[in-house]
Amino acid sequence: MRYNDRIRIITTQKVPSELGDETKDVMSGWLECRITGVSQAMNMGLFGKYDSRAVAIHFKGKLSDINYVLFRNIKRKPKAILSARKNTVVIISET
């Protein structure tokens, strides 16, 4: 599989402050990935309809703690995070 595309992952971390814990978004560097469409069976399972504009993002290796994905300069929340073989697949909706 060719990993021609680049995506950034945003994680949320708790940082201690004077007034208590604050959440802070931490953006990763550019990660190599492959962006594909989602099958009709997965669309039905995740969204309950056949014609969603969902995208599957395939990352090399195991990734953990993914809160958001920066896709086409828009911060998107993953609908599902799957482990497939030795890779991580993140499903997001474009709308």
Protein backbone atom coordinates (compact mmCIF):
# COMPACT_ATOMS: atom_id res chain seq x y z
CA MET A 1 0.00 0.00 0.00
CA ARG A 2 1.32 3.44 -0.89
CA TYR A 3 1.24 6.06 1.82
CA ASN A 4 1.32 9.19 -0.37
CA ASP A 5 -0.83 11.53 1.73
CA ARG A 6 0.07 13.48 4.87
CA ILE A 7 -2.18 14.12 7.89
CA ARG A 8 -1.69 15.67 11.31
CA ILE A 9 -3.11 14.20 14.52
CA ILE A 10 -4.31 16.37 17.39
CA THR A 11 -4.29 14.96 20.92
CA THR A 12 -5.72 16.56 24.04
CA GLN A 13 -3.53 16.67 27.13
CA LYS A 14 -4.29 17.86 30.64
CA VAL A 15 -1.89 20.52 31.89
CA PRO A 16 -1.81 21.56 35.55
CA SER A 17 -2.38 25.27 36.11
CA GLU A 18 -3.11 27.64 38.96
CA LEU A 19 -6.88 27.18 38.67
CA GLY A 20 -6.83 23.42 38.14
CA ASP A 21 -6.26 21.19 35.16
CA GLU A 22 -6.57 22.77 31.73
CA THR A 23 -6.84 20.89 28.44
CA LYS A 24 -4.37 21.71 25.71
CA ASP A 25 -4.39 20.55 22.09
CA VAL A 26 -1.05 19.15 20.91
CA MET A 27 -0.53 18.77 17.17
CA SER A 28 1.79 16.11 15.77
CA GLY A 29 4.06 16.49 12.79
CA TRP A 30 3.01 15.36 9.34
CA LEU A 31 2.33 11.61 9.36
CA GLU A 32 2.29 9.51 6.21
CA CYS A 33 -1.03 7.86 5.45
CA ARG A 34 -3.31 6.64 2.71
CA ILE A 35 -6.79 8.08 2.27
CA THR A 36 -9.49 5.84 0.79
CA GLY A 37 -13.26 5.66 0.64
CA VAL A 38 -15.37 3.56 2.96
CA SER A 39 -17.32 0.49 1.84
CA GLN A 40 -21.11 0.42 1.85
CA ALA A 41 -21.14 -2.22 4.61
CA MET A 42 -19.01 -0.02 6.87
CA ASN A 43 -21.19 3.01 6.03
CA MET A 44 -24.26 1.09 7.17
CA GLY A 45 -22.52 -0.07 10.34
CA LEU A 46 -21.18 3.34 11.38
CA PHE A 47 -23.62 5.88 9.97
CA GLY A 48 -26.79 3.91 9.22
CA LYS A 49 -26.92 4.99 5.57
CA TYR A 50 -25.27 3.95 2.33
CA ASP A 51 -24.26 7.28 0.88
CA SER A 52 -22.16 9.05 3.47
CA ARG A 53 -19.06 11.02 2.55
CA ALA A 54 -16.86 9.14 4.96
CA VAL A 55 -13.12 8.68 4.48
CA ALA A 56 -10.80 6.00 5.84
CA ILE A 57 -7.31 7.16 6.78
CA HIS A 58 -4.76 4.33 6.99
CA PHE A 59 -1.66 4.98 9.12
CA LYS A 60 1.44 2.81 9.28
CA GLY A 61 1.88 1.17 12.67
CA LYS A 62 -0.13 1.39 15.86
CA LEU A 63 -1.22 4.86 16.95
CA SER A 64 -2.95 5.67 20.20
CA ASP A 65 -4.63 8.67 21.75
CA ILE A 66 -6.15 10.21 18.62
CA ASN A 67 -8.66 12.91 19.57
CA TYR A 68 -8.85 14.84 16.29
CA VAL A 69 -7.43 14.65 12.76
CA LEU A 70 -6.47 17.67 10.67
CA PHE A 71 -7.93 16.78 7.24
CA ARG A 72 -7.76 19.42 4.47
CA ASN A 73 -6.99 22.06 7.13
CA ILE A 74 -10.20 21.24 9.04
CA LYS A 75 -10.17 19.67 12.50
CA ARG A 76 -12.35 16.53 12.43
CA LYS A 77 -13.33 14.11 15.20
CA PRO A 78 -12.95 10.41 14.30
CA LYS A 79 -16.13 8.36 14.08
CA ALA A 80 -14.19 5.12 14.60
CA ILE A 81 -10.58 4.07 15.22
CA LEU A 82 -9.77 0.53 14.10
CA SER A 83 -6.69 -1.66 14.32
CA ALA A 84 -6.19 -3.60 11.11
CA ARG A 85 -3.22 -5.96 11.02
CA LYS A 86 -0.31 -3.80 12.19
CA ASN A 87 -1.89 -0.52 11.10
CA THR A 88 -4.37 2.01 12.43
CA VAL A 89 -7.45 3.05 10.44
CA VAL A 90 -9.34 6.21 11.36
CA ILE A 91 -12.82 6.81 9.91
CA ILE A 92 -13.97 10.43 9.60
CA SER A 93 -16.94 12.08 7.92
CA GLU A 94 -16.32 14.93 5.50
CA THR A 95 -19.53 16.71 6.39
